[in-house]
Amino acid sequence: MDRKRMEEIKLTTTFLAVILTFIILWMPFCVTMFISVFSQYPVSRIPNMATIILGCFNSCCNPIIYGVMNKKFRNGYAKLYCMLCRKPKRKTDDRILELLQILDRSFENPEENDAIFTKNGFHNGI
């Protein structure tokens, strides 16, 4: 098979995985709603909430499916992860990191807040 055909197959497989996951995770909610509407016995709150949470979990599954089934997404996730884990290189990043550390310390001794900010060149808490 040629390359374009392989890409189409991979894309179709990913699409089907997303659709199948959607159906599997939202079907229990649809069943409980159907029972609630058409049955004389309503569905109790716990199963109802559980099926809603299960349906909402579908949104968490999509990035995982894309990451597992698509190399471009995997590479993008890897770049994002590396970018979040790296040490700051630019001076502004250092300044923001310093401010966050000062804020963290200021919660330990709230009475020293003004002195800490003034000492480190941050006036009026900025």
PDB file of N, CA and C in Angstrom:
ATOM      1  N   MET A   1       0.836  -1.193   0.000  1.00  0.00           N
ATOM      2  CA  MET A   1       0.000   0.000   0.000  1.00  0.00           C
ATOM      3  C   MET A   1       0.869   1.241   0.000  1.00  0.00           C
ATOM      4  N   ASP A   2       0.360   2.256  -0.620  1.00  0.00           N
ATOM      5  CA  ASP A   2       1.128   3.495  -0.632  1.00  0.00           C
ATOM      6  C   ASP A   2       0.947   4.256   0.681  1.00  0.00           C
ATOM      7  N   ARG A   3       1.762   5.252   0.855  1.00  0.00           N
ATOM      8  CA  ARG A   3       1.816   6.000   2.117  1.00  0.00           C
ATOM      9  C   ARG A   3       0.500   6.720   2.428  1.00  0.00           C
ATOM     10  N   LYS A   4      -0.091   7.323   1.396  1.00  0.00           N
ATOM     11  CA  LYS A   4      -1.337   8.061   1.598  1.00  0.00           C
ATOM     12  C   LYS A   4      -2.448   7.122   2.082  1.00  0.00           C
ATOM     13  N   ARG A   5      -2.499   5.941   1.522  1.00  0.00           N
ATOM     14  CA  ARG A   5      -3.518   4.964   1.913  1.00  0.00           C
ATOM     15  C   ARG A   5      -3.314   4.534   3.371  1.00  0.00           C
ATOM     16  N   MET A   6      -2.073   4.340   3.790  1.00  0.00           N
ATOM     17  CA  MET A   6      -1.773   3.960   5.171  1.00  0.00           C
ATOM     18  C   MET A   6      -2.190   5.061   6.143  1.00  0.00           C
ATOM     19  N   GLU A   7      -1.936   6.312   5.770  1.00  0.00           N
ATOM     20  CA  GLU A   7      -2.346   7.440   6.615  1.00  0.00           C
ATOM     21  C   GLU A   7      -3.861   7.500   6.754  1.00  0.00           C
ATOM     22  N   GLU A   8      -4.570   7.228   5.655  1.00  0.00           N
ATOM     23  CA  GLU A   8      -6.034   7.222   5.708  1.00  0.00           C
ATOM     24  C   GLU A   8      -6.546   6.111   6.622  1.00  0.00           C
ATOM     25  N   ILE A   9      -5.903   4.958   6.583  1.00  0.00           N
ATOM     26  CA  ILE A   9      -6.309   3.843   7.442  1.00  0.00           C
ATOM     27  C   ILE A   9      -6.061   4.194   8.911  1.00  0.00           C
ATOM     28  N   LYS A  10      -4.911   4.790   9.206  1.00  0.00           N
ATOM     29  CA  LYS A  10      -4.607   5.185  10.587  1.00  0.00           C
ATOM     30  C   LYS A  10      -5.598   6.235  11.081  1.00  0.00           C
ATOM     31  N   LEU A  11      -5.909   7.211  10.224  1.00  0.00           N
ATOM     32  CA  LEU A  11      -6.865   8.252  10.594  1.00  0.00           C
ATOM     33  C   LEU A  11      -8.251   7.660  10.834  1.00  0.00           C
ATOM     34  N   THR A  12      -8.668   6.754   9.987  1.00  0.00           N
ATOM     35  CA  THR A  12      -9.972   6.108  10.143  1.00  0.00           C
ATOM     36  C   THR A  12     -10.014   5.277  11.418  1.00  0.00           C
ATOM     37  N   THR A  13      -8.934   4.580  11.718  1.00  0.00           N
ATOM     38  CA  THR A  13      -8.874   3.781  12.941  1.00  0.00           C
ATOM     39  C   THR A  13      -8.972   4.671  14.175  1.00  0.00           C
ATOM     40  N   THR A  14      -8.262   5.787  14.157  1.00  0.00           N
ATOM     41  CA  THR A  14      -8.328   6.728  15.275  1.00  0.00           C
ATOM     42  C   THR A  14      -9.747   7.273  15.428  1.00  0.00           C
ATOM     43  N   PHE A  15     -10.342   7.653  14.322  1.00  0.00           N
ATOM     44  CA  PHE A  15     -11.711   8.181  14.341  1.00  0.00           C
ATOM     45  C   PHE A  15     -12.687   7.145  14.901  1.00  0.00           C
ATOM     46  N   LEU A  16     -12.551   5.897  14.472  1.00  0.00           N
ATOM     47  CA  LEU A  16     -13.433   4.842  14.969  1.00  0.00           C
ATOM     48  C   LEU A  16     -13.210   4.587  16.463  1.00  0.00           C
ATOM     49  N   ALA A  17     -11.970   4.673  16.917  1.00  0.00           N
ATOM     50  CA  ALA A  17     -11.684   4.495  18.344  1.00  0.00           C
ATOM     51  C   ALA A  17     -12.347   5.598  19.164  1.00  0.00           C
ATOM     52  N   VAL A  18     -12.289   6.829  18.670  1.00  0.00           N
ATOM     53  CA  VAL A  18     -12.919   7.954  19.373  1.00  0.00           C
ATOM     54  C   VAL A  18     -14.443   7.767  19.409  1.00  0.00           C
ATOM     55  N   ILE A  19     -15.033   7.385  18.300  1.00  0.00           N
ATOM     56  CA  ILE A  19     -16.483   7.185  18.228  1.00  0.00           C
ATOM     57  C   ILE A  19     -16.911   6.021  19.125  1.00  0.00           C
ATOM     58  N   LEU A  20     -16.177   4.914  19.081  1.00  0.00           N
ATOM     59  CA  LEU A  20     -16.503   3.752  19.902  1.00  0.00           C
ATOM     60  C   LEU A  20     -16.390   4.082  21.384  1.00  0.00           C
ATOM     61  N   THR A  21     -15.358   4.814  21.764  1.00  0.00           N
ATOM     62  CA  THR A  21     -15.201   5.230  23.159  1.00  0.00           C
ATOM     63  C   THR A  21     -16.362   6.119  23.588  1.00  0.00           C
ATOM     64  N   PHE A  22     -16.756   7.033  22.718  1.00  0.00           N
ATOM     65  CA  PHE A  22     -17.892   7.905  23.002  1.00  0.00           C
ATOM     66  C   PHE A  22     -19.157   7.086  23.252  1.00  0.00           C
ATOM     67  N   ILE A  23     -19.425   6.142  22.379  1.00  0.00           N
ATOM     68  CA  ILE A  23     -20.643   5.325  22.513  1.00  0.00           C
ATOM     69  C   ILE A  23     -20.607   4.506  23.796  1.00  0.00           C
ATOM     70  N   ILE A  24     -19.461   3.873  24.071  1.00  0.00           N
ATOM     71  CA  ILE A  24     -19.356   3.018  25.260  1.00  0.00           C
ATOM     72  C   ILE A  24     -19.517   3.834  26.544  1.00  0.00           C
ATOM     73  N   LEU A  25     -18.910   5.025  26.591  1.00  0.00           N
ATOM     74  CA  LEU A  25     -18.939   5.801  27.826  1.00  0.00           C
ATOM     75  C   LEU A  25     -20.235   6.580  28.035  1.00  0.00           C
ATOM     76  N   TRP A  26     -20.934   6.938  26.966  1.00  0.00           N
ATOM     77  CA  TRP A  26     -22.186   7.669  27.128  1.00  0.00           C
ATOM     78  C   TRP A  26     -23.421   6.765  27.113  1.00  0.00           C
ATOM     79  N   MET A  27     -23.291   5.516  26.669  1.00  0.00           N
ATOM     80  CA  MET A  27     -24.445   4.612  26.601  1.00  0.00           C
ATOM     81  C   MET A  27     -25.097   4.377  27.974  1.00  0.00           C
ATOM     82  N   PRO A  28     -24.342   4.162  29.044  1.00  0.00           N
ATOM     83  CA  PRO A  28     -25.012   3.973  30.342  1.00  0.00           C
ATOM     84  C   PRO A  28     -25.873   5.171  30.744  1.00  0.00           C
ATOM     85  N   PHE A  29     -25.413   6.380  30.457  1.00  0.00           N
ATOM     86  CA  PHE A  29     -26.210   7.571  30.769  1.00  0.00           C
ATOM     87  C   PHE A  29     -27.493   7.577  29.945  1.00  0.00           C
ATOM     88  N   CYS A  30     -27.380   7.235  28.669  1.00  0.00           N
ATOM     89  CA  CYS A  30     -28.580   7.198  27.822  1.00  0.00           C
ATOM     90  C   CYS A  30     -29.583   6.171  28.327  1.00  0.00           C
ATOM     91  N   VAL A  31     -29.090   5.029  28.772  1.00  0.00           N
ATOM     92  CA  VAL A  31     -29.981   3.993  29.298  1.00  0.00           C
ATOM     93  C   VAL A  31     -30.664   4.479  30.574  1.00  0.00           C
ATOM     94  N   THR A  32     -29.894   5.070  31.491  1.00  0.00           N
ATOM     95  CA  THR A  32     -30.515   5.543  32.736  1.00  0.00           C
ATOM     96  C   THR A  32     -31.512   6.664  32.461  1.00  0.00           C
ATOM     97  N   MET A  33     -31.231   7.526  31.516  1.00  0.00           N
ATOM     98  CA  MET A  33     -32.192   8.590  31.175  1.00  0.00           C
ATOM     99  C   MET A  33     -33.448   8.004  30.538  1.00  0.00           C
ATOM    100  N   PHE A  34     -33.271   7.017  29.691  1.00  0.00           N
ATOM    101  CA  PHE A  34     -34.418   6.345  29.070  1.00  0.00           C
ATOM    102  C   PHE A  34     -35.297   5.713  30.144  1.00  0.00           C
ATOM    103  N   ILE A  35     -34.657   5.032  31.103  1.00  0.00           N
ATOM    104  CA  ILE A  35     -35.407   4.406  32.205  1.00  0.00           C
ATOM    105  C   ILE A  35     -36.109   5.470  33.043  1.00  0.00           C
ATOM    106  N   SER A  36     -35.417   6.580  33.330  1.00  0.00           N
ATOM    107  CA  SER A  36     -36.015   7.653  34.134  1.00  0.00           C
ATOM    108  C   SER A  36     -37.238   8.258  33.464  1.00  0.00           C
ATOM    109  N   VAL A  37     -37.192   8.392  32.157  1.00  0.00           N
ATOM    110  CA  VAL A  37     -38.290   9.038  31.436  1.00  0.00           C
ATOM    111  C   VAL A  37     -39.471   8.095  31.239  1.00  0.00           C
ATOM    112  N   PHE A  38     -39.185   6.841  30.884  1.00  0.00           N
ATOM    113  CA  PHE A  38     -40.267   5.950  30.483  1.00  0.00           C
ATOM    114  C   PHE A  38     -40.659   4.907  31.529  1.00  0.00           C
ATOM    115  N   SER A  39     -40.001   4.862  32.654  1.00  0.00           N
ATOM    116  CA  SER A  39     -40.324   3.878  33.669  1.00  0.00           C
ATOM    117  C   SER A  39     -41.049   4.550  34.831  1.00  0.00           C
ATOM    118  N   GLN A  40     -41.870   3.777  35.510  1.00  0.00           N
ATOM    119  CA  GLN A  40     -42.533   4.332  36.682  1.00  0.00           C
ATOM    120  C   GLN A  40     -41.608   4.338  37.885  1.00  0.00           C
ATOM    121  N   TYR A  41     -40.465   3.650  37.788  1.00  0.00           N
ATOM    122  CA  TYR A  41     -39.475   3.623  38.863  1.00  0.00           C
ATOM    123  C   TYR A  41     -38.259   4.447  38.443  1.00  0.00           C
ATOM    124  N   PRO A  42     -38.055   5.589  39.048  1.00  0.00           N
ATOM    125  CA  PRO A  42     -36.916   6.427  38.650  1.00  0.00           C
ATOM    126  C   PRO A  42     -35.582   5.811  39.080  1.00  0.00           C
ATOM    127  N   VAL A  43     -34.553   6.156  38.351  1.00  0.00           N
ATOM    128  CA  VAL A  43     -33.203   5.698  38.672  1.00  0.00           C
ATOM    129  C   VAL A  43     -32.710   6.513  39.864  1.00  0.00           C
ATOM    130  N   SER A  44     -32.095   5.840  40.828  1.00  0.00           N
ATOM    131  CA  SER A  44     -31.621   6.562  42.016  1.00  0.00           C
ATOM    132  C   SER A  44     -30.459   7.493  41.656  1.00  0.00           C
ATOM    133  N   ARG A  45     -30.156   8.363  42.571  1.00  0.00           N
ATOM    134  CA  ARG A  45     -29.170   9.427  42.326  1.00  0.00           C
ATOM    135  C   ARG A  45     -27.753   8.892  42.081  1.00  0.00           C
ATOM    136  N   ILE A  46     -27.332   7.878  42.829  1.00  0.00           N
ATOM    137  CA  ILE A  46     -25.953   7.382  42.698  1.00  0.00           C
ATOM    138  C   ILE A  46     -25.681   6.797  41.309  1.00  0.00           C
ATOM    139  N   PRO A  47     -26.505   5.885  40.799  1.00  0.00           N
ATOM    140  CA  PRO A  47     -26.244   5.401  39.434  1.00  0.00           C
ATOM    141  C   PRO A  47     -26.354   6.511  38.388  1.00  0.00           C
ATOM    142  N   ASN A  48     -27.271   7.426  38.606  1.00  0.00           N
ATOM    143  CA  ASN A  48     -27.427   8.541  37.671  1.00  0.00           C
ATOM    144  C   ASN A  48     -26.156   9.390  37.623  1.00  0.00           C
ATOM    145  N   MET A  49     -25.628   9.749  38.792  1.00  0.00           N
ATOM    146  CA  MET A  49     -24.398  10.555  38.846  1.00  0.00           C
ATOM    147  C   MET A  49     -23.200   9.767  38.301  1.00  0.00           C
ATOM    148  N   ALA A  50     -23.147   8.476  38.596  1.00  0.00           N
ATOM    149  CA  ALA A  50     -22.041   7.642  38.109  1.00  0.00           C
ATOM    150  C   ALA A  50     -22.020   7.599  36.587  1.00  0.00           C
ATOM    151  N   THR A  51     -23.200   7.513  35.979  1.00  0.00           N
ATOM    152  CA  THR A  51     -23.239   7.472  34.514  1.00  0.00           C
ATOM    153  C   THR A  51     -22.883   8.824  33.908  1.00  0.00           C
ATOM    154  N   ILE A  52     -23.219   9.913  34.583  1.00  0.00           N
ATOM    155  CA  ILE A  52     -22.826  11.242  34.095  1.00  0.00           C
ATOM    156  C   ILE A  52     -21.308  11.391  34.165  1.00  0.00           C
ATOM    157  N   ILE A  53     -20.718  10.973  35.271  1.00  0.00           N
ATOM    158  CA  ILE A  53     -19.257  11.057  35.420  1.00  0.00           C
ATOM    159  C   ILE A  53     -18.569  10.181  34.380  1.00  0.00           C
ATOM    160  N   LEU A  54     -19.111   8.995  34.149  1.00  0.00           N
ATOM    161  CA  LEU A  54     -18.551   8.107  33.135  1.00  0.00           C
ATOM    162  C   LEU A  54     -18.606   8.759  31.755  1.00  0.00           C
ATOM    163  N   GLY A  55     -19.719   9.409  31.455  1.00  0.00           N
ATOM    164  CA  GLY A  55     -19.831  10.110  30.173  1.00  0.00           C
ATOM    165  C   GLY A  55     -18.841  11.261  30.053  1.00  0.00           C
ATOM    166  N   CYS A  56     -18.677  12.008  31.132  1.00  0.00           N
ATOM    167  CA  CYS A  56     -17.719  13.121  31.101  1.00  0.00           C
ATOM    168  C   CYS A  56     -16.284  12.626  30.993  1.00  0.00           C
ATOM    169  N   PHE A  57     -16.033  11.417  31.490  1.00  0.00           N
ATOM    170  CA  PHE A  57     -14.706  10.816  31.377  1.00  0.00           C
ATOM    171  C   PHE A  57     -14.304  10.647  29.917  1.00  0.00           C
ATOM    172  N   ASN A  58     -15.285  10.589  29.029  1.00  0.00           N
ATOM    173  CA  ASN A  58     -15.012  10.494  27.598  1.00  0.00           C
ATOM    174  C   ASN A  58     -14.080  11.617  27.136  1.00  0.00           C
ATOM    175  N   SER A  59     -14.265  12.808  27.676  1.00  0.00           N
ATOM    176  CA  SER A  59     -13.423  13.935  27.280  1.00  0.00           C
ATOM    177  C   SER A  59     -11.968  13.728  27.683  1.00  0.00           C
ATOM    178  N   CYS A  60     -11.738  13.003  28.753  1.00  0.00           N
ATOM    179  CA  CYS A  60     -10.368  12.700  29.185  1.00  0.00           C
ATOM    180  C   CYS A  60      -9.729  11.628  28.309  1.00  0.00           C
ATOM    181  N   CYS A  61     -10.553  10.792  27.712  1.00  0.00           N
ATOM    182  CA  CYS A  61     -10.023   9.693  26.905  1.00  0.00           C
ATOM    183  C   CYS A  61      -9.527  10.144  25.535  1.00  0.00           C
ATOM    184  N   ASN A  62     -10.115  11.185  24.976  1.00  0.00           N
ATOM    185  CA  ASN A  62      -9.739  11.604  23.628  1.00  0.00           C
ATOM    186  C   ASN A  62      -8.253  11.943  23.494  1.00  0.00           C
ATOM    187  N   PRO A  63      -7.662  12.768  24.366  1.00  0.00           N
ATOM    188  CA  PRO A  63      -6.231  13.037  24.218  1.00  0.00           C
ATOM    189  C   PRO A  63      -5.369  11.780  24.357  1.00  0.00           C
ATOM    190  N   ILE A  64      -5.821  10.851  25.188  1.00  0.00           N
ATOM    191  CA  ILE A  64      -5.078   9.593  25.342  1.00  0.00           C
ATOM    192  C   ILE A  64      -5.150   8.779  24.061  1.00  0.00           C
ATOM    193  N   ILE A  65      -6.330   8.694  23.480  1.00  0.00           N
ATOM    194  CA  ILE A  65      -6.491   7.953  22.220  1.00  0.00           C
ATOM    195  C   ILE A  65      -5.621   8.580  21.137  1.00  0.00           C
ATOM    196  N   TYR A  66      -5.673   9.901  21.008  1.00  0.00           N
ATOM    197  CA  TYR A  66      -4.855  10.572  19.988  1.00  0.00           C
ATOM    198  C   TYR A  66      -3.372  10.339  20.236  1.00  0.00           C
ATOM    199  N   GLY A  67      -2.952  10.396  21.500  1.00  0.00           N
ATOM    200  CA  GLY A  67      -1.539  10.195  21.818  1.00  0.00           C
ATOM    201  C   GLY A  67      -1.068   8.789  21.520  1.00  0.00           C
ATOM    202  N   VAL A  68      -1.930   7.809  21.759  1.00  0.00           N
ATOM    203  CA  VAL A  68      -1.559   6.415  21.513  1.00  0.00           C
ATOM    204  C   VAL A  68      -1.561   6.098  20.020  1.00  0.00           C
ATOM    205  N   MET A  69      -2.506   6.646  19.296  1.00  0.00           N
ATOM    206  CA  MET A  69      -2.696   6.232  17.906  1.00  0.00           C
ATOM    207  C   MET A  69      -2.085   7.164  16.871  1.00  0.00           C
ATOM    208  N   ASN A  70      -1.546   8.309  17.281  1.00  0.00           N
ATOM    209  CA  ASN A  70      -1.027   9.267  16.308  1.00  0.00           C
ATOM    210  C   ASN A  70       0.366   9.738  16.728  1.00  0.00           C
ATOM    211  N   LYS A  71       1.323   9.503  15.871  1.00  0.00           N
ATOM    212  CA  LYS A  71       2.716   9.844  16.185  1.00  0.00           C
ATOM    213  C   LYS A  71       2.914  11.350  16.345  1.00  0.00           C
ATOM    214  N   LYS A  72       2.220  12.155  15.552  1.00  0.00           N
ATOM    215  CA  LYS A  72       2.362  13.612  15.663  1.00  0.00           C
ATOM    216  C   LYS A  72       1.876  14.106  17.027  1.00  0.00           C
ATOM    217  N   PHE A  73       0.769  13.557  17.510  1.00  0.00           N
ATOM    218  CA  PHE A  73       0.290  13.933  18.841  1.00  0.00           C
ATOM    219  C   PHE A  73       1.279  13.493  19.916  1.00  0.00           C
ATOM    220  N   ARG A  74       1.806  12.264  19.781  1.00  0.00           N
ATOM    221  CA  ARG A  74       2.797  11.773  20.746  1.00  0.00           C
ATOM    222  C   ARG A  74       3.996  12.705  20.814  1.00  0.00           C
ATOM    223  N   ASN A  75       4.496  13.119  19.651  1.00  0.00           N
ATOM    224  CA  ASN A  75       5.636  14.044  19.625  1.00  0.00           C
ATOM    225  C   ASN A  75       5.270  15.390  20.239  1.00  0.00           C
ATOM    226  N   GLY A  76       4.059  15.866  19.973  1.00  0.00           N
ATOM    227  CA  GLY A  76       3.604  17.124  20.562  1.00  0.00           C
ATOM    228  C   GLY A  76       3.495  17.031  22.077  1.00  0.00           C
ATOM    229  N   TYR A  77       2.972  15.909  22.566  1.00  0.00           N
ATOM    230  CA  TYR A  77       2.890  15.716  24.017  1.00  0.00           C
ATOM    231  C   TYR A  77       4.282  15.667  24.636  1.00  0.00           C
ATOM    232  N   ALA A  78       5.210  15.007  23.957  1.00  0.00           N
ATOM    233  CA  ALA A  78       6.584  14.913  24.475  1.00  0.00           C
ATOM    234  C   ALA A  78       7.223  16.300  24.542  1.00  0.00           C
ATOM    235  N   LYS A  79       7.025  17.108  23.507  1.00  0.00           N
ATOM    236  CA  LYS A  79       7.577  18.474  23.517  1.00  0.00           C
ATOM    237  C   LYS A  79       6.961  19.304  24.639  1.00  0.00           C
ATOM    238  N   LEU A  80       5.654  19.186  24.812  1.00  0.00           N
ATOM    239  CA  LEU A  80       4.974  19.924  25.867  1.00  0.00           C
ATOM    240  C   LEU A  80       5.487  19.496  27.234  1.00  0.00           C
ATOM    241  N   TYR A  81       5.635  18.204  27.432  1.00  0.00           N
ATOM    242  CA  TYR A  81       6.136  17.688  28.707  1.00  0.00           C
ATOM    243  C   TYR A  81       7.547  18.199  28.980  1.00  0.00           C
ATOM    244  N   CYS A  82       8.407  18.151  27.973  1.00  0.00           N
ATOM    245  CA  CYS A  82       9.780  18.640  28.152  1.00  0.00           C
ATOM    246  C   CYS A  82       9.797  20.136  28.439  1.00  0.00           C
ATOM    247  N   MET A  83       8.920  20.882  27.776  1.00  0.00           N
ATOM    248  CA  MET A  83       8.861  22.321  27.980  1.00  0.00           C
ATOM    249  C   MET A  83       8.398  22.642  29.405  1.00  0.00           C
ATOM    250  N   LEU A  84       7.467  21.868  29.935  1.00  0.00           N
ATOM    251  CA  LEU A  84       6.983  22.108  31.291  1.00  0.00           C
ATOM    252  C   LEU A  84       7.995  21.698  32.354  1.00  0.00           C
ATOM    253  N   CYS A  85       8.836  20.731  32.031  1.00  0.00           N
ATOM    254  CA  CYS A  85       9.783  20.212  33.023  1.00  0.00           C
ATOM    255  C   CYS A  85      11.143  20.906  32.989  1.00  0.00           C
ATOM    256  N   ARG A  86      11.421  21.669  31.963  1.00  0.00           N
ATOM    257  CA  ARG A  86      12.748  22.284  31.853  1.00  0.00           C
ATOM    258  C   ARG A  86      12.908  23.425  32.835  1.00  0.00           C
ATOM    259  N   LYS A  87      14.156  23.735  33.139  1.00  0.00           N
ATOM    260  CA  LYS A  87      14.446  24.891  33.986  1.00  0.00           C
ATOM    261  C   LYS A  87      14.269  26.158  33.159  1.00  0.00           C
ATOM    262  N   PRO A  88      13.812  27.229  33.764  1.00  0.00           N
ATOM    263  CA  PRO A  88      13.650  28.472  33.007  1.00  0.00           C
ATOM    264  C   PRO A  88      15.005  28.990  32.538  1.00  0.00           C
ATOM    265  N   LYS A  89      15.042  29.470  31.295  1.00  0.00           N
ATOM    266  CA  LYS A  89      16.289  29.982  30.727  1.00  0.00           C
ATOM    267  C   LYS A  89      16.295  31.504  30.645  1.00  0.00           C
ATOM    268  N   ARG A  90      15.149  32.085  30.396  1.00  0.00           N
ATOM    269  CA  ARG A  90      15.099  33.534  30.204  1.00  0.00           C
ATOM    270  C   ARG A  90      14.985  34.251  31.544  1.00  0.00           C
ATOM    271  N   LYS A  91      15.417  35.491  31.551  1.00  0.00           N
ATOM    272  CA  LYS A  91      15.385  36.287  32.770  1.00  0.00           C
ATOM    273  C   LYS A  91      13.957  36.475  33.274  1.00  0.00           C
ATOM    274  N   THR A  92      12.994  36.658  32.368  1.00  0.00           N
ATOM    275  CA  THR A  92      11.615  36.841  32.820  1.00  0.00           C
ATOM    276  C   THR A  92      11.100  35.577  33.493  1.00  0.00           C
ATOM    277  N   ASP A  93      11.484  34.413  32.974  1.00  0.00           N
ATOM    278  CA  ASP A  93      11.087  33.167  33.616  1.00  0.00           C
ATOM    279  C   ASP A  93      11.693  33.078  35.014  1.00  0.00           C
ATOM    280  N   ASP A  94      12.958  33.487  35.149  1.00  0.00           N
ATOM    281  CA  ASP A  94      13.607  33.482  36.462  1.00  0.00           C
ATOM    282  C   ASP A  94      12.882  34.416  37.418  1.00  0.00           C
ATOM    283  N   ARG A  95      12.477  35.567  36.903  1.00  0.00           N
ATOM    284  CA  ARG A  95      11.790  36.556  37.739  1.00  0.00           C
ATOM    285  C   ARG A  95      10.433  36.015  38.210  1.00  0.00           C
ATOM    286  N   ILE A  96       9.708  35.345  37.316  1.00  0.00           N
ATOM    287  CA  ILE A  96       8.421  34.758  37.678  1.00  0.00           C
ATOM    288  C   ILE A  96       8.622  33.643  38.703  1.00  0.00           C
ATOM    289  N   LEU A  97       9.636  32.807  38.486  1.00  0.00           N
ATOM    290  CA  LEU A  97       9.942  31.748  39.436  1.00  0.00           C
ATOM    291  C   LEU A  97      10.300  32.331  40.802  1.00  0.00           C
ATOM    292  N   GLU A  98      11.078  33.395  40.796  1.00  0.00           N
ATOM    293  CA  GLU A  98      11.460  34.055  42.046  1.00  0.00           C
ATOM    294  C   GLU A  98      10.228  34.603  42.763  1.00  0.00           C
ATOM    295  N   LEU A  99       9.325  35.210  42.014  1.00  0.00           N
ATOM    296  CA  LEU A  99       8.100  35.746  42.602  1.00  0.00           C
ATOM    297  C   LEU A  99       7.254  34.633  43.212  1.00  0.00           C
ATOM    298  N   LEU A 100       7.152  33.515  42.512  1.00  0.00           N
ATOM    299  CA  LEU A 100       6.383  32.393  43.045  1.00  0.00           C
ATOM    300  C   LEU A 100       7.007  31.855  44.329  1.00  0.00           C
ATOM    301  N   GLN A 101       8.325  31.800  44.378  1.00  0.00           N
ATOM    302  CA  GLN A 101       8.990  31.349  45.597  1.00  0.00           C
ATOM    303  C   GLN A 101       8.744  32.322  46.745  1.00  0.00           C
ATOM    304  N   ILE A 102       8.774  33.619  46.437  1.00  0.00           N
ATOM    305  CA  ILE A 102       8.510  34.632  47.463  1.00  0.00           C
ATOM    306  C   ILE A 102       7.074  34.508  47.965  1.00  0.00           C
ATOM    307  N   LEU A 103       6.135  34.308  47.028  1.00  0.00           N
ATOM    308  CA  LEU A 103       4.736  34.142  47.428  1.00  0.00           C
ATOM    309  C   LEU A 103       4.570  32.909  48.301  1.00  0.00           C
ATOM    310  N   ASP A 104       5.264  31.847  47.954  1.00  0.00           N
ATOM    311  CA  ASP A 104       5.186  30.626  48.741  1.00  0.00           C
ATOM    312  C   ASP A 104       5.689  30.870  50.163  1.00  0.00           C
ATOM    313  N   ARG A 105       6.809  31.589  50.285  1.00  0.00           N
ATOM    314  CA  ARG A 105       7.339  31.900  51.614  1.00  0.00           C
ATOM    315  C   ARG A 105       6.426  32.858  52.361  1.00  0.00           C
ATOM    316  N   SER A 106       5.749  33.752  51.645  1.00  0.00           N
ATOM    317  CA  SER A 106       4.917  34.752  52.311  1.00  0.00           C
ATOM    318  C   SER A 106       3.714  34.134  53.004  1.00  0.00           C
ATOM    319  N   PHE A 107       3.273  32.958  52.533  1.00  0.00           N
ATOM    320  CA  PHE A 107       2.171  32.288  53.210  1.00  0.00           C
ATOM    321  C   PHE A 107       2.616  31.712  54.546  1.00  0.00           C
ATOM    322  N   GLU A 108       3.903  31.423  54.680  1.00  0.00           N
ATOM    323  CA  GLU A 108       4.405  30.886  55.935  1.00  0.00           C
ATOM    324  C   GLU A 108       4.443  31.964  57.016  1.00  0.00           C
ATOM    325  N   ASN A 109       4.836  33.200  56.657  1.00  0.00           N
ATOM    326  CA  ASN A 109       4.936  34.311  57.605  1.00  0.00           C
ATOM    327  C   ASN A 109       4.213  35.522  57.029  1.00  0.00           C
ATOM    328  N   PRO A 110       2.898  35.585  57.140  1.00  0.00           N
ATOM    329  CA  PRO A 110       2.154  36.672  56.503  1.00  0.00           C
ATOM    330  C   PRO A 110       2.550  38.067  57.001  1.00  0.00           C
ATOM    331  N   GLU A 111       3.028  38.176  58.235  1.00  0.00           N
ATOM    332  CA  GLU A 111       3.375  39.503  58.756  1.00  0.00           C
ATOM    333  C   GLU A 111       4.632  40.065  58.095  1.00  0.00           C
ATOM    334  N   GLU A 112       5.414  39.228  57.443  1.00  0.00           N
ATOM    335  CA  GLU A 112       6.638  39.683  56.797  1.00  0.00           C
ATOM    336  C   GLU A 112       6.449  39.969  55.303  1.00  0.00           C
ATOM    337  N   ASN A 113       5.224  39.901  54.803  1.00  0.00           N
ATOM    338  CA  ASN A 113       4.973  40.052  53.373  1.00  0.00           C
ATOM    339  C   ASN A 113       5.567  41.333  52.787  1.00  0.00           C
ATOM    340  N   ASP A 114       5.238  42.476  53.377  1.00  0.00           N
ATOM    341  CA  ASP A 114       5.715  43.746  52.831  1.00  0.00           C
ATOM    342  C   ASP A 114       7.232  43.807  52.803  1.00  0.00           C
ATOM    343  N   ALA A 115       7.872  43.350  53.868  1.00  0.00           N
ATOM    344  CA  ALA A 115       9.329  43.381  53.928  1.00  0.00           C
ATOM    345  C   ALA A 115       9.938  42.468  52.866  1.00  0.00           C
ATOM    346  N   ILE A 116       9.348  41.295  52.669  1.00  0.00           N
ATOM    347  CA  ILE A 116       9.876  40.356  51.665  1.00  0.00           C
ATOM    348  C   ILE A 116       9.746  40.946  50.271  1.00  0.00           C
ATOM    349  N   PHE A 117       8.570  41.497  49.956  1.00  0.00           N
ATOM    350  CA  PHE A 117       8.369  42.054  48.618  1.00  0.00           C
ATOM    351  C   PHE A 117       9.282  43.248  48.372  1.00  0.00           C
ATOM    352  N   THR A 118       9.392  44.139  49.335  1.00  0.00           N
ATOM    353  CA  THR A 118      10.234  45.332  49.169  1.00  0.00           C
ATOM    354  C   THR A 118      11.702  44.939  49.040  1.00  0.00           C
ATOM    355  N   LYS A 119      12.143  44.017  49.845  1.00  0.00           N
ATOM    356  CA  LYS A 119      13.530  43.567  49.811  1.00  0.00           C
ATOM    357  C   LYS A 119      13.892  42.987  48.454  1.00  0.00           C
ATOM    358  N   ASN A 120      12.963  42.285  47.803  1.00  0.00           N
ATOM    359  CA  ASN A 120      13.240  41.631  46.535  1.00  0.00           C
ATOM    360  C   ASN A 120      12.827  42.470  45.326  1.00  0.00           C
ATOM    361  N   GLY A 121      12.522  43.717  45.528  1.00  0.00           N
ATOM    362  CA  GLY A 121      12.253  44.610  44.403  1.00  0.00           C
ATOM    363  C   GLY A 121      10.844  44.566  43.878  1.00  0.00           C
ATOM    364  N   PHE A 122       9.925  43.926  44.583  1.00  0.00           N
ATOM    365  CA  PHE A 122       8.525  43.892  44.180  1.00  0.00           C
ATOM    366  C   PHE A 122       7.781  44.878  45.061  1.00  0.00           C
ATOM    367  N   HIS A 123       7.311  45.958  44.466  1.00  0.00           N
ATOM    368  CA  HIS A 123       6.614  46.979  45.237  1.00  0.00           C
ATOM    369  C   HIS A 123       5.113  46.817  45.068  1.00  0.00           C
ATOM    370  N   ASN A 124       4.381  47.023  46.143  1.00  0.00           N
ATOM    371  CA  ASN A 124       2.924  46.904  46.172  1.00  0.00           C
ATOM    372  C   ASN A 124       2.465  45.506  45.748  1.00  0.00           C
ATOM    373  N   GLY A 125       3.262  44.479  46.081  1.00  0.00           N
ATOM    374  CA  GLY A 125       2.882  43.110  45.782  1.00  0.00           C
ATOM    375  C   GLY A 125       3.052  42.733  44.332  1.00  0.00           C
ATOM    376  N   ILE A 126       3.695  43.587  43.527  1.00  0.00           N
ATOM    377  CA  ILE A 126       3.865  43.291  42.101  1.00  0.00           C
ATOM    378  C   ILE A 126       5.332  43.106  41.800  1.00  0.00           C
TER     379      ILE A 126
END
